[in-house]
Amino acid sequence: MIPASSKSKNPRLLLPLFVLLAALPALAQKPATARFSGQAAYDLTKQYLDAAPHRWIGSPDHAKAEEFIKSHFAAEAAKGNFEVDSFSASTPAGLLPMRNFIVRYPGKKDGVIVLASHYETNYPLKDTGFVGANDGAATSALLMEIGNYLRAHPPEGYSVWLVFDDGEEAIRSWSASDSLYGTRHLAARWSQNGTLAKIKAFIVADMIADKDLNIDRDLNSTPALEDLLLQAAKNTGHSAYVFKNSNQVEDDHLPFKQRGVPVLDMIDIDYGPHTSAMPDGYHHTPQDTIDKISPKSLQISGDLILEVIRLINQRP
């Protein structure tokens, strides 16, 4: 993803008592986010980075990342709700095989809310030790933990689909043709088969595990969905963590926006201190490591996403 202006991405209890206590959350009508765990998402991030740190396309770690994702969603695959979307992309490095992964949680209303994160690392940085803890890893883990939640609490409203998209990063240098390979492919495919018309919102999670979290107001996102994000922040007590900055961001939502789908990019492009040595902070540097992210930020981001989903389902 890049800001359009800079072109730089930047003792156990007795059973009866236990049963009573277990019922209390429902009686108190706590929000759906009560059981989402930012700590679990953080732990998944560590596991993902340990399994596949250098996930540039074509690398052994990229294949390991794919296996990690597939393994996490074995239960969904057994029900026919896990899809591997394989394709070849023409890039400055030649024709490269890529894969998107789509995990479906069927709802009770006609329509789909899509949550997406890219899972690979920056190709031009493949020889620098770059691991993309905040940029790709943490949001992939965030979606995995949301999957854990949805597995236990199936959607009551619209279906929710998780998309782990490949090739978000440029292969050589960011441009309209050298970026967003996975979502450009998926938007075109879903346009052809009629899926696009069912999408109520396409939501991208990107770089939102930063310890110093503040999610940007993205000027390329659908204003009504930005308003829902602001309302979600108020509802969850997280208003201090949104909209300090505004940016016009080029990210995985654009191929869907260009086809008329309502989109929301949840991104914190301001990542780390900006210095002469690191003008874009930790973004796209070897310093984008696990110590720069936090369970708290993942909790906030997960809370916001699940509340946005709830608010979308409340609309007429």
C-alpha atoms as a PDB file:
ATOM      1  CA  MET A   1       0.000   0.000   0.000  1.00  0.00           C
ATOM      2  CA  ILE A   2       1.179   3.541  -0.582  1.00  0.00           C
ATOM      3  CA  PRO A   3      -0.053   7.055   0.141  1.00  0.00           C
ATOM      4  CA  ALA A   4      -0.954   8.480  -3.262  1.00  0.00           C
ATOM      5  CA  SER A   5       0.711  11.771  -2.454  1.00  0.00           C
ATOM      6  CA  SER A   6       4.164  10.335  -1.728  1.00  0.00           C
ATOM      7  CA  LYS A   7       4.171   7.045  -3.631  1.00  0.00           C
ATOM      8  CA  SER A   8       5.828   5.538  -0.543  1.00  0.00           C
ATOM      9  CA  LYS A   9       4.071   3.037   1.559  1.00  0.00           C
ATOM     10  CA  ASN A  10       4.990   4.529   3.958  1.00  0.00           C
ATOM     11  CA  PRO A  11      -9.579 -23.882  40.633  1.00  0.00           C
ATOM     12  CA  ARG A  12     -12.497 -24.909  38.836  1.00  0.00           C
ATOM     13  CA  LEU A  13     -15.983 -23.959  39.988  1.00  0.00           C
ATOM     14  CA  LEU A  14     -18.902 -26.186  40.806  1.00  0.00           C
ATOM     15  CA  LEU A  15     -20.855 -27.010  37.663  1.00  0.00           C
ATOM     16  CA  PRO A  16     -24.041 -25.046  38.436  1.00  0.00           C
ATOM     17  CA  LEU A  17     -22.037 -21.937  39.255  1.00  0.00           C
ATOM     18  CA  PHE A  18     -19.935 -22.400  36.141  1.00  0.00           C
ATOM     19  CA  VAL A  19     -23.037 -22.642  33.971  1.00  0.00           C
ATOM     20  CA  LEU A  20     -24.457 -19.484  35.528  1.00  0.00           C
ATOM     21  CA  LEU A  21     -21.265 -17.534  35.006  1.00  0.00           C
ATOM     22  CA  ALA A  22     -20.989 -18.736  31.424  1.00  0.00           C
ATOM     23  CA  ALA A  23     -24.419 -17.287  30.741  1.00  0.00           C
ATOM     24  CA  LEU A  24     -23.615 -13.847  32.131  1.00  0.00           C
ATOM     25  CA  PRO A  25     -22.116 -12.363  28.959  1.00  0.00           C
ATOM     26  CA  ALA A  26     -25.285 -13.093  27.038  1.00  0.00           C
ATOM     27  CA  LEU A  27     -27.467 -11.758  29.851  1.00  0.00           C
ATOM     28  CA  ALA A  28     -25.447  -8.560  29.939  1.00  0.00           C
ATOM     29  CA  GLN A  29     -25.601  -8.262  26.126  1.00  0.00           C
ATOM     30  CA  LYS A  30     -21.877  -7.752  25.803  1.00  0.00           C
ATOM     31  CA  PRO A  31     -20.623  -6.915  22.307  1.00  0.00           C
ATOM     32  CA  ALA A  32     -19.560  -9.671  19.964  1.00  0.00           C
ATOM     33  CA  THR A  33     -15.949  -8.596  20.335  1.00  0.00           C
ATOM     34  CA  ALA A  34     -15.840  -9.794  23.975  1.00  0.00           C
ATOM     35  CA  ARG A  35     -14.258 -13.093  22.984  1.00  0.00           C
ATOM     36  CA  PHE A  36     -11.877 -11.809  20.324  1.00  0.00           C
ATOM     37  CA  SER A  37      -8.318 -11.982  21.663  1.00  0.00           C
ATOM     38  CA  GLY A  38      -5.612  -9.547  20.670  1.00  0.00           C
ATOM     39  CA  GLN A  39      -3.145 -11.665  22.622  1.00  0.00           C
ATOM     40  CA  ALA A  40      -4.101 -14.716  20.572  1.00  0.00           C
ATOM     41  CA  ALA A  41      -3.630 -12.694  17.382  1.00  0.00           C
ATOM     42  CA  TYR A  42      -0.215 -11.569  18.621  1.00  0.00           C
ATOM     43  CA  ASP A  43       0.764 -15.158  19.438  1.00  0.00           C
ATOM     44  CA  LEU A  44      -0.330 -16.207  15.947  1.00  0.00           C
ATOM     45  CA  THR A  45       1.820 -13.426  14.509  1.00  0.00           C
ATOM     46  CA  LYS A  46       4.860 -14.818  16.313  1.00  0.00           C
ATOM     47  CA  GLN A  47       4.082 -18.337  15.107  1.00  0.00           C
ATOM     48  CA  TYR A  48       3.609 -17.113  11.536  1.00  0.00           C
ATOM     49  CA  LEU A  49       6.882 -15.193  11.579  1.00  0.00           C
ATOM     50  CA  ASP A  50       8.723 -18.179  13.057  1.00  0.00           C
ATOM     51  CA  ALA A  51       7.310 -20.466  10.364  1.00  0.00           C
ATOM     52  CA  ALA A  52       7.711 -18.113   7.401  1.00  0.00           C
ATOM     53  CA  PRO A  53       9.689 -14.924   8.023  1.00  0.00           C
ATOM     54  CA  HIS A  54      10.783 -14.050   4.475  1.00  0.00           C
ATOM     55  CA  ARG A  55       7.611 -14.499   2.424  1.00  0.00           C
ATOM     56  CA  TRP A  56       8.506 -12.910  -0.900  1.00  0.00           C
ATOM     57  CA  ILE A  57       6.826 -14.576  -3.855  1.00  0.00           C
ATOM     58  CA  GLY A  58       8.657 -17.663  -5.084  1.00  0.00           C
ATOM     59  CA  SER A  59      10.595 -18.173  -1.854  1.00  0.00           C
ATOM     60  CA  PRO A  60      10.488 -21.303   0.332  1.00  0.00           C
ATOM     61  CA  ASP A  61       9.032 -19.158   3.129  1.00  0.00           C
ATOM     62  CA  HIS A  62       6.229 -17.993   0.840  1.00  0.00           C
ATOM     63  CA  ALA A  63       5.251 -21.645   0.378  1.00  0.00           C
ATOM     64  CA  LYS A  64       5.496 -22.154   4.145  1.00  0.00           C
ATOM     65  CA  ALA A  65       3.211 -19.155   4.701  1.00  0.00           C
ATOM     66  CA  GLU A  66       0.649 -20.712   2.392  1.00  0.00           C
ATOM     67  CA  GLU A  67       0.822 -23.989   4.301  1.00  0.00           C
ATOM     68  CA  PHE A  68       0.427 -22.108   7.603  1.00  0.00           C
ATOM     69  CA  ILE A  69      -2.758 -20.452   6.376  1.00  0.00           C
ATOM     70  CA  LYS A  70      -4.157 -23.689   4.950  1.00  0.00           C
ATOM     71  CA  SER A  71      -3.404 -25.564   8.165  1.00  0.00           C
ATOM     72  CA  HIS A  72      -5.133 -22.926  10.285  1.00  0.00           C
ATOM     73  CA  PHE A  73      -8.338 -23.281   8.289  1.00  0.00           C
ATOM     74  CA  ALA A  74      -8.457 -27.088   8.015  1.00  0.00           C
ATOM     75  CA  ALA A  75     -11.895 -27.130   9.683  1.00  0.00           C
ATOM     76  CA  GLU A  76     -13.281 -24.731   7.082  1.00  0.00           C
ATOM     77  CA  ALA A  77     -11.696 -26.720   4.258  1.00  0.00           C
ATOM     78  CA  ALA A  78     -13.384 -29.886   5.548  1.00  0.00           C
ATOM     79  CA  LYS A  79     -16.743 -28.110   5.122  1.00  0.00           C
ATOM     80  CA  GLY A  80     -15.932 -26.863   1.620  1.00  0.00           C
ATOM     81  CA  ASN A  81     -15.530 -23.278   2.834  1.00  0.00           C
ATOM     82  CA  PHE A  82     -11.849 -22.799   1.957  1.00  0.00           C
ATOM     83  CA  GLU A  83     -10.806 -21.910  -1.572  1.00  0.00           C
ATOM     84  CA  VAL A  84      -7.366 -21.691  -3.147  1.00  0.00           C
ATOM     85  CA  ASP A  85      -7.429 -19.134  -5.952  1.00  0.00           C
ATOM     86  CA  SER A  86      -4.315 -19.845  -8.041  1.00  0.00           C
ATOM     87  CA  PHE A  87      -3.251 -17.637 -10.931  1.00  0.00           C
ATOM     88  CA  SER A  88      -0.190 -16.438 -12.805  1.00  0.00           C
ATOM     89  CA  ALA A  89       0.705 -12.760 -12.850  1.00  0.00           C
ATOM     90  CA  SER A  90       2.756 -10.946 -15.449  1.00  0.00           C
ATOM     91  CA  THR A  91       5.361  -8.953 -13.514  1.00  0.00           C
ATOM     92  CA  PRO A  92       8.660  -7.152 -14.177  1.00  0.00           C
ATOM     93  CA  ALA A  93      10.343 -10.385 -12.985  1.00  0.00           C
ATOM     94  CA  GLY A  94       8.371 -12.466 -15.482  1.00  0.00           C
ATOM     95  CA  LEU A  95       5.345 -14.669 -15.021  1.00  0.00           C
ATOM     96  CA  LEU A  96       4.970 -15.491 -11.314  1.00  0.00           C
ATOM     97  CA  PRO A  97       2.582 -18.014  -9.730  1.00  0.00           C
ATOM     98  CA  MET A  98       0.439 -16.481  -6.995  1.00  0.00           C
ATOM     99  CA  ARG A  99      -2.381 -17.653  -4.745  1.00  0.00           C
ATOM    100  CA  ASN A 100      -5.205 -15.998  -2.879  1.00  0.00           C
ATOM    101  CA  PHE A 101      -6.971 -17.884  -0.094  1.00  0.00           C
ATOM    102  CA  ILE A 102     -10.680 -17.338   0.562  1.00  0.00           C
ATOM    103  CA  VAL A 103     -12.339 -18.563   3.775  1.00  0.00           C
ATOM    104  CA  ARG A 104     -16.133 -18.421   3.924  1.00  0.00           C
ATOM    105  CA  TYR A 105     -18.371 -18.167   6.993  1.00  0.00           C
ATOM    106  CA  PRO A 106     -21.965 -18.393   5.738  1.00  0.00           C
ATOM    107  CA  GLY A 107     -24.466 -15.969   7.243  1.00  0.00           C
ATOM    108  CA  LYS A 108     -28.242 -15.708   7.299  1.00  0.00           C
ATOM    109  CA  LYS A 109     -28.638 -12.631   5.093  1.00  0.00           C
ATOM    110  CA  ASP A 110     -28.086 -12.379   1.359  1.00  0.00           C
ATOM    111  CA  GLY A 111     -24.772 -10.596   0.922  1.00  0.00           C
ATOM    112  CA  VAL A 112     -21.106 -10.748   1.843  1.00  0.00           C
ATOM    113  CA  ILE A 113     -18.682  -8.694   3.917  1.00  0.00           C
ATOM    114  CA  VAL A 114     -15.083  -9.330   2.880  1.00  0.00           C
ATOM    115  CA  LEU A 115     -12.064  -8.837   5.165  1.00  0.00           C
ATOM    116  CA  ALA A 116      -8.702  -8.888   3.407  1.00  0.00           C
ATOM    117  CA  SER A 117      -5.001  -8.828   4.223  1.00  0.00           C
ATOM    118  CA  HIS A 118      -1.973  -9.496   2.083  1.00  0.00           C
ATOM    119  CA  TYR A 119       0.283 -12.232   3.452  1.00  0.00           C
ATOM    120  CA  GLU A 120       3.516 -11.937   1.469  1.00  0.00           C
ATOM    121  CA  THR A 121       6.521  -9.681   2.035  1.00  0.00           C
ATOM    122  CA  ASN A 122       8.014  -7.011  -0.184  1.00  0.00           C
ATOM    123  CA  TYR A 123       9.827  -8.551  -3.146  1.00  0.00           C
ATOM    124  CA  PRO A 124      12.471  -5.836  -3.681  1.00  0.00           C
ATOM    125  CA  LEU A 125      13.491  -6.224  -0.007  1.00  0.00           C
ATOM    126  CA  LYS A 126      14.033  -9.980  -0.288  1.00  0.00           C
ATOM    127  CA  ASP A 127      17.760  -9.758   0.419  1.00  0.00           C
ATOM    128  CA  THR A 128      17.509  -7.376   3.395  1.00  0.00           C
ATOM    129  CA  GLY A 129      16.074  -9.690   6.064  1.00  0.00           C
ATOM    130  CA  PHE A 130      12.712  -7.898   5.907  1.00  0.00           C
ATOM    131  CA  VAL A 131       9.959  -9.874   7.728  1.00  0.00           C
ATOM    132  CA  GLY A 132       7.009  -7.449   7.642  1.00  0.00           C
ATOM    133  CA  ALA A 133       5.789  -8.049  11.187  1.00  0.00           C
ATOM    134  CA  ASN A 134       3.314  -5.176  10.922  1.00  0.00           C
ATOM    135  CA  ASP A 135       3.182  -5.186   7.145  1.00  0.00           C
ATOM    136  CA  GLY A 136       1.483  -8.461   6.224  1.00  0.00           C
ATOM    137  CA  ALA A 137       2.160 -10.807   9.141  1.00  0.00           C
ATOM    138  CA  ALA A 138       0.139  -9.239  11.967  1.00  0.00           C
ATOM    139  CA  THR A 139      -2.937  -8.550   9.863  1.00  0.00           C
ATOM    140  CA  SER A 140      -2.850 -12.083   8.456  1.00  0.00           C
ATOM    141  CA  ALA A 141      -2.781 -13.318  12.057  1.00  0.00           C
ATOM    142  CA  LEU A 142      -5.563 -10.860  12.910  1.00  0.00           C
ATOM    143  CA  LEU A 143      -7.757 -12.420  10.235  1.00  0.00           C
ATOM    144  CA  MET A 144      -6.875 -15.902  11.503  1.00  0.00           C
ATOM    145  CA  GLU A 145      -8.039 -14.955  14.995  1.00  0.00           C
ATOM    146  CA  ILE A 146     -11.201 -13.406  13.562  1.00  0.00           C
ATOM    147  CA  GLY A 147     -11.644 -16.764  11.826  1.00  0.00           C
ATOM    148  CA  ASN A 148     -11.357 -18.468  15.215  1.00  0.00           C
ATOM    149  CA  TYR A 149     -14.091 -16.177  16.507  1.00  0.00           C
ATOM    150  CA  LEU A 150     -16.367 -16.763  13.505  1.00  0.00           C
ATOM    151  CA  ARG A 151     -15.848 -20.512  13.755  1.00  0.00           C
ATOM    152  CA  ALA A 152     -17.310 -20.386  17.272  1.00  0.00           C
ATOM    153  CA  HIS A 153     -19.867 -17.654  16.515  1.00  0.00           C
ATOM    154  CA  PRO A 154     -21.141 -18.002  12.912  1.00  0.00           C
ATOM    155  CA  PRO A 155     -22.438 -14.780  11.350  1.00  0.00           C
ATOM    156  CA  GLU A 156     -26.071 -13.958  12.126  1.00  0.00           C
ATOM    157  CA  GLY A 157     -26.218 -11.379   9.349  1.00  0.00           C
ATOM    158  CA  TYR A 158     -24.270 -11.229   6.100  1.00  0.00           C
ATOM    159  CA  SER A 159     -21.759 -13.928   5.290  1.00  0.00           C
ATOM    160  CA  VAL A 160     -18.181 -13.008   6.174  1.00  0.00           C
ATOM    161  CA  TRP A 161     -15.344 -14.012   3.894  1.00  0.00           C
ATOM    162  CA  LEU A 162     -11.675 -13.735   4.806  1.00  0.00           C
ATOM    163  CA  VAL A 163      -9.278 -13.117   1.931  1.00  0.00           C
ATOM    164  CA  PHE A 164      -5.537 -13.666   2.252  1.00  0.00           C
ATOM    165  CA  ASP A 165      -4.322 -12.011  -0.908  1.00  0.00           C
ATOM    166  CA  ASP A 166      -1.007 -12.448  -2.635  1.00  0.00           C
ATOM    167  CA  GLY A 167       1.084  -9.936  -4.521  1.00  0.00           C
ATOM    168  CA  GLU A 168      -0.013  -6.712  -2.875  1.00  0.00           C
ATOM    169  CA  GLU A 169       3.555  -5.481  -2.919  1.00  0.00           C
ATOM    170  CA  ALA A 170       5.328  -4.311  -6.050  1.00  0.00           C
ATOM    171  CA  ILE A 171       7.799  -6.668  -7.683  1.00  0.00           C
ATOM    172  CA  ARG A 172      10.040  -3.830  -8.827  1.00  0.00           C
ATOM    173  CA  SER A 173       8.554  -0.384  -8.216  1.00  0.00           C
ATOM    174  CA  TRP A 174       5.019   0.564  -7.232  1.00  0.00           C
ATOM    175  CA  SER A 175       2.749   1.415 -10.134  1.00  0.00           C
ATOM    176  CA  ALA A 176      -0.782   0.644 -11.271  1.00  0.00           C
ATOM    177  CA  SER A 177       0.515  -2.407 -13.140  1.00  0.00           C
ATOM    178  CA  ASP A 178       3.155  -3.462 -10.597  1.00  0.00           C
ATOM    179  CA  SER A 179       1.159  -3.865  -7.375  1.00  0.00           C
ATOM    180  CA  LEU A 180      -2.094  -5.302  -6.037  1.00  0.00           C
ATOM    181  CA  TYR A 181      -1.771  -8.435  -8.185  1.00  0.00           C
ATOM    182  CA  GLY A 182      -3.979 -10.629  -6.010  1.00  0.00           C
ATOM    183  CA  THR A 183      -6.833  -8.200  -5.530  1.00  0.00           C
ATOM    184  CA  ARG A 184      -6.774  -7.036  -9.158  1.00  0.00           C
ATOM    185  CA  HIS A 185      -7.121 -10.684 -10.209  1.00  0.00           C
ATOM    186  CA  LEU A 186      -9.846 -11.372  -7.635  1.00  0.00           C
ATOM    187  CA  ALA A 187     -11.890  -8.264  -8.439  1.00  0.00           C
ATOM    188  CA  ALA A 188     -11.853  -9.159 -12.145  1.00  0.00           C
ATOM    189  CA  ARG A 189     -12.791 -12.777 -11.461  1.00  0.00           C
ATOM    190  CA  TRP A 190     -15.599 -11.880  -9.080  1.00  0.00           C
ATOM    191  CA  SER A 191     -16.881  -9.306 -11.550  1.00  0.00           C
ATOM    192  CA  GLN A 192     -17.135 -11.996 -14.218  1.00  0.00           C
ATOM    193  CA  ASN A 193     -18.916 -14.583 -12.060  1.00  0.00           C
ATOM    194  CA  GLY A 194     -21.351 -12.197 -10.344  1.00  0.00           C
ATOM    195  CA  THR A 195     -19.818 -12.357  -6.871  1.00  0.00           C
ATOM    196  CA  LEU A 196     -18.974  -8.661  -6.882  1.00  0.00           C
ATOM    197  CA  ALA A 197     -22.647  -7.668  -6.790  1.00  0.00           C
ATOM    198  CA  LYS A 198     -23.090  -9.523  -3.484  1.00  0.00           C
ATOM    199  CA  ILE A 199     -20.362  -7.625  -1.614  1.00  0.00           C
ATOM    200  CA  LYS A 200     -21.681  -5.124   0.925  1.00  0.00           C
ATOM    201  CA  ALA A 201     -18.204  -4.016   2.007  1.00  0.00           C
ATOM    202  CA  PHE A 202     -14.632  -4.901   1.128  1.00  0.00           C
ATOM    203  CA  ILE A 203     -12.486  -4.128   4.188  1.00  0.00           C
ATOM    204  CA  VAL A 204      -8.687  -4.170   4.104  1.00  0.00           C
ATOM    205  CA  ALA A 205      -6.587  -4.600   7.253  1.00  0.00           C
ATOM    206  CA  ASP A 206      -3.044  -3.328   6.773  1.00  0.00           C
ATOM    207  CA  MET A 207      -0.347  -2.211   9.224  1.00  0.00           C
ATOM    208  CA  ILE A 208      -2.741  -1.930  12.193  1.00  0.00           C
ATOM    209  CA  ALA A 209      -0.735  -3.743  14.883  1.00  0.00           C
ATOM    210  CA  ASP A 210       1.689  -0.837  15.421  1.00  0.00           C
ATOM    211  CA  LYS A 211       2.284  -0.176  19.147  1.00  0.00           C
ATOM    212  CA  ASP A 212       1.569   3.498  18.475  1.00  0.00           C
ATOM    213  CA  LEU A 213      -1.728   2.789  16.712  1.00  0.00           C
ATOM    214  CA  ASN A 214      -3.851   5.400  15.022  1.00  0.00           C
ATOM    215  CA  ILE A 215      -5.860   4.284  12.011  1.00  0.00           C
ATOM    216  CA  ASP A 216      -5.922   6.831   9.209  1.00  0.00           C
ATOM    217  CA  ARG A 217      -8.960   8.339   7.584  1.00  0.00           C
ATOM    218  CA  ASP A 218      -8.384   7.043   4.072  1.00  0.00           C
ATOM    219  CA  LEU A 219      -9.667   9.364   1.385  1.00  0.00           C
ATOM    220  CA  ASN A 220      -9.864   6.477  -1.109  1.00  0.00           C
ATOM    221  CA  SER A 221     -12.370   4.624   1.092  1.00  0.00           C
ATOM    222  CA  THR A 222     -16.149   4.903   0.879  1.00  0.00           C
ATOM    223  CA  PRO A 223     -17.185   7.810   3.169  1.00  0.00           C
ATOM    224  CA  ALA A 224     -20.161   5.913   4.623  1.00  0.00           C
ATOM    225  CA  LEU A 225     -17.850   3.101   5.736  1.00  0.00           C
ATOM    226  CA  GLU A 226     -15.377   5.594   7.176  1.00  0.00           C
ATOM    227  CA  ASP A 227     -18.306   7.005   9.174  1.00  0.00           C
ATOM    228  CA  LEU A 228     -19.128   3.494  10.413  1.00  0.00           C
ATOM    229  CA  LEU A 229     -15.515   3.034  11.507  1.00  0.00           C
ATOM    230  CA  LEU A 230     -15.708   6.274  13.482  1.00  0.00           C
ATOM    231  CA  GLN A 231     -18.970   5.101  15.078  1.00  0.00           C
ATOM    232  CA  ALA A 232     -17.386   1.712  15.826  1.00  0.00           C
ATOM    233  CA  ALA A 233     -14.524   3.492  17.572  1.00  0.00           C
ATOM    234  CA  LYS A 234     -17.003   5.408  19.749  1.00  0.00           C
ATOM    235  CA  ASN A 235     -19.019   2.268  20.519  1.00  0.00           C
ATOM    236  CA  THR A 236     -15.951   0.279  21.576  1.00  0.00           C
ATOM    237  CA  GLY A 237     -14.203   3.063  23.479  1.00  0.00           C
ATOM    238  CA  HIS A 238     -11.405   3.298  20.932  1.00  0.00           C
ATOM    239  CA  SER A 239     -11.951   6.814  19.574  1.00  0.00           C
ATOM    240  CA  ALA A 240      -8.402   7.830  20.528  1.00  0.00           C
ATOM    241  CA  TYR A 241      -7.049   5.331  18.000  1.00  0.00           C
ATOM    242  CA  VAL A 242      -8.654   6.551  14.789  1.00  0.00           C
ATOM    243  CA  PHE A 243      -8.449   9.435  12.364  1.00  0.00           C
ATOM    244  CA  LYS A 244      -5.569  11.441  13.790  1.00  0.00           C
ATOM    245  CA  ASN A 245      -4.290  11.604  10.209  1.00  0.00           C
ATOM    246  CA  SER A 246      -5.860  11.589   6.770  1.00  0.00           C
ATOM    247  CA  ASN A 247      -4.217   9.999   3.749  1.00  0.00           C
ATOM    248  CA  GLN A 248      -5.150   8.952   0.252  1.00  0.00           C
ATOM    249  CA  VAL A 249      -3.860   5.397   0.223  1.00  0.00           C
ATOM    250  CA  GLU A 250      -3.288   3.054  -2.685  1.00  0.00           C
ATOM    251  CA  ASP A 251      -3.985  -0.390  -1.275  1.00  0.00           C
ATOM    252  CA  ASP A 252      -5.842  -3.634  -1.895  1.00  0.00           C
ATOM    253  CA  HIS A 253      -9.229  -1.929  -1.775  1.00  0.00           C
ATOM    254  CA  LEU A 254      -8.663   0.024  -4.993  1.00  0.00           C
ATOM    255  CA  PRO A 255      -9.460  -2.753  -7.528  1.00  0.00           C
ATOM    256  CA  PHE A 256     -12.810  -3.178  -5.792  1.00  0.00           C
ATOM    257  CA  LYS A 257     -13.498   0.534  -5.475  1.00  0.00           C
ATOM    258  CA  GLN A 258     -12.859   0.904  -9.185  1.00  0.00           C
ATOM    259  CA  ARG A 259     -15.623  -1.653  -9.812  1.00  0.00           C
ATOM    260  CA  GLY A 260     -18.148   0.116  -7.607  1.00  0.00           C
ATOM    261  CA  VAL A 261     -17.818  -1.912  -4.406  1.00  0.00           C
ATOM    262  CA  PRO A 262     -18.036  -0.054  -1.053  1.00  0.00           C
ATOM    263  CA  VAL A 263     -14.534  -0.219   0.436  1.00  0.00           C
ATOM    264  CA  LEU A 264     -12.740   0.551   3.690  1.00  0.00           C
ATOM    265  CA  ASP A 265      -8.975   0.573   4.121  1.00  0.00           C
ATOM    266  CA  MET A 266      -8.028   0.249   7.786  1.00  0.00           C
ATOM    267  CA  ILE A 267      -4.398   1.291   7.764  1.00  0.00           C
ATOM    268  CA  ASP A 268      -1.936   3.180   9.954  1.00  0.00           C
ATOM    269  CA  ILE A 269       0.631   4.432   7.478  1.00  0.00           C
ATOM    270  CA  ASP A 270       2.557   6.409  10.132  1.00  0.00           C
ATOM    271  CA  TYR A 271       4.765   3.633  11.512  1.00  0.00           C
ATOM    272  CA  GLY A 272       7.759   4.442  13.683  1.00  0.00           C
ATOM    273  CA  PRO A 273       9.956   7.545  13.956  1.00  0.00           C
ATOM    274  CA  HIS A 274      10.779   9.364  10.744  1.00  0.00           C
ATOM    275  CA  THR A 275      14.493  10.117  10.451  1.00  0.00           C
ATOM    276  CA  SER A 276      16.921  10.963   7.683  1.00  0.00           C
ATOM    277  CA  ALA A 277      17.995   7.316   7.681  1.00  0.00           C
ATOM    278  CA  MET A 278      14.382   6.061   7.761  1.00  0.00           C
ATOM    279  CA  PRO A 279      12.187   8.752   6.159  1.00  0.00           C
ATOM    280  CA  ASP A 280       9.192   6.380   6.149  1.00  0.00           C
ATOM    281  CA  GLY A 281       9.805   5.107   9.682  1.00  0.00           C
ATOM    282  CA  TYR A 282       9.891   1.337  10.061  1.00  0.00           C
ATOM    283  CA  HIS A 283       7.825   0.830   6.929  1.00  0.00           C
ATOM    284  CA  HIS A 284       9.637  -1.307   4.354  1.00  0.00           C
ATOM    285  CA  THR A 285      12.747  -1.623   6.512  1.00  0.00           C
ATOM    286  CA  PRO A 286      14.336  -4.554   8.370  1.00  0.00           C
ATOM    287  CA  GLN A 287      13.184  -2.772  11.552  1.00  0.00           C
ATOM    288  CA  ASP A 288       9.578  -3.879  10.928  1.00  0.00           C
ATOM    289  CA  THR A 289       9.861  -6.619  13.558  1.00  0.00           C
ATOM    290  CA  ILE A 290       7.716  -8.252  16.247  1.00  0.00           C
ATOM    291  CA  ASP A 291       8.862  -5.833  18.970  1.00  0.00           C
ATOM    292  CA  LYS A 292       7.179  -2.948  17.109  1.00  0.00           C
ATOM    293  CA  ILE A 293       3.665  -4.408  17.399  1.00  0.00           C
ATOM    294  CA  SER A 294       1.441  -5.174  20.398  1.00  0.00           C
ATOM    295  CA  PRO A 295      -1.455  -7.371  21.563  1.00  0.00           C
ATOM    296  CA  LYS A 296      -3.255  -4.177  22.611  1.00  0.00           C
ATOM    297  CA  SER A 297      -3.231  -2.745  19.104  1.00  0.00           C
ATOM    298  CA  LEU A 298      -4.412  -6.060  17.671  1.00  0.00           C
ATOM    299  CA  GLN A 299      -7.232  -6.092  20.240  1.00  0.00           C
ATOM    300  CA  ILE A 300      -8.287  -2.591  19.237  1.00  0.00           C
ATOM    301  CA  SER A 301      -8.178  -3.437  15.544  1.00  0.00           C
ATOM    302  CA  GLY A 302     -10.117  -6.662  16.029  1.00  0.00           C
ATOM    303  CA  ASP A 303     -12.731  -4.888  18.144  1.00  0.00           C
ATOM    304  CA  LEU A 304     -13.159  -2.235  15.471  1.00  0.00           C
ATOM    305  CA  ILE A 305     -13.496  -4.703  12.606  1.00  0.00           C
ATOM    306  CA  LEU A 306     -16.109  -6.797  14.392  1.00  0.00           C
ATOM    307  CA  GLU A 307     -18.061  -3.703  15.399  1.00  0.00           C
ATOM    308  CA  VAL A 308     -17.983  -2.369  11.843  1.00  0.00           C
ATOM    309  CA  ILE A 309     -19.411  -5.716  10.700  1.00  0.00           C
ATOM    310  CA  ARG A 310     -22.186  -5.395  13.301  1.00  0.00           C
ATOM    311  CA  LEU A 311     -22.987  -1.866  12.178  1.00  0.00           C
ATOM    312  CA  ILE A 312     -23.084  -2.848   8.500  1.00  0.00           C
ATOM    313  CA  ASN A 313     -25.601  -5.551   9.383  1.00  0.00           C
ATOM    314  CA  GLN A 314     -27.791  -2.982  11.167  1.00  0.00           C
ATOM    315  CA  ARG A 315     -28.193  -0.825   8.077  1.00  0.00           C
ATOM    316  CA  PRO A 316     -31.448  -1.044   6.091  1.00  0.00           C
END
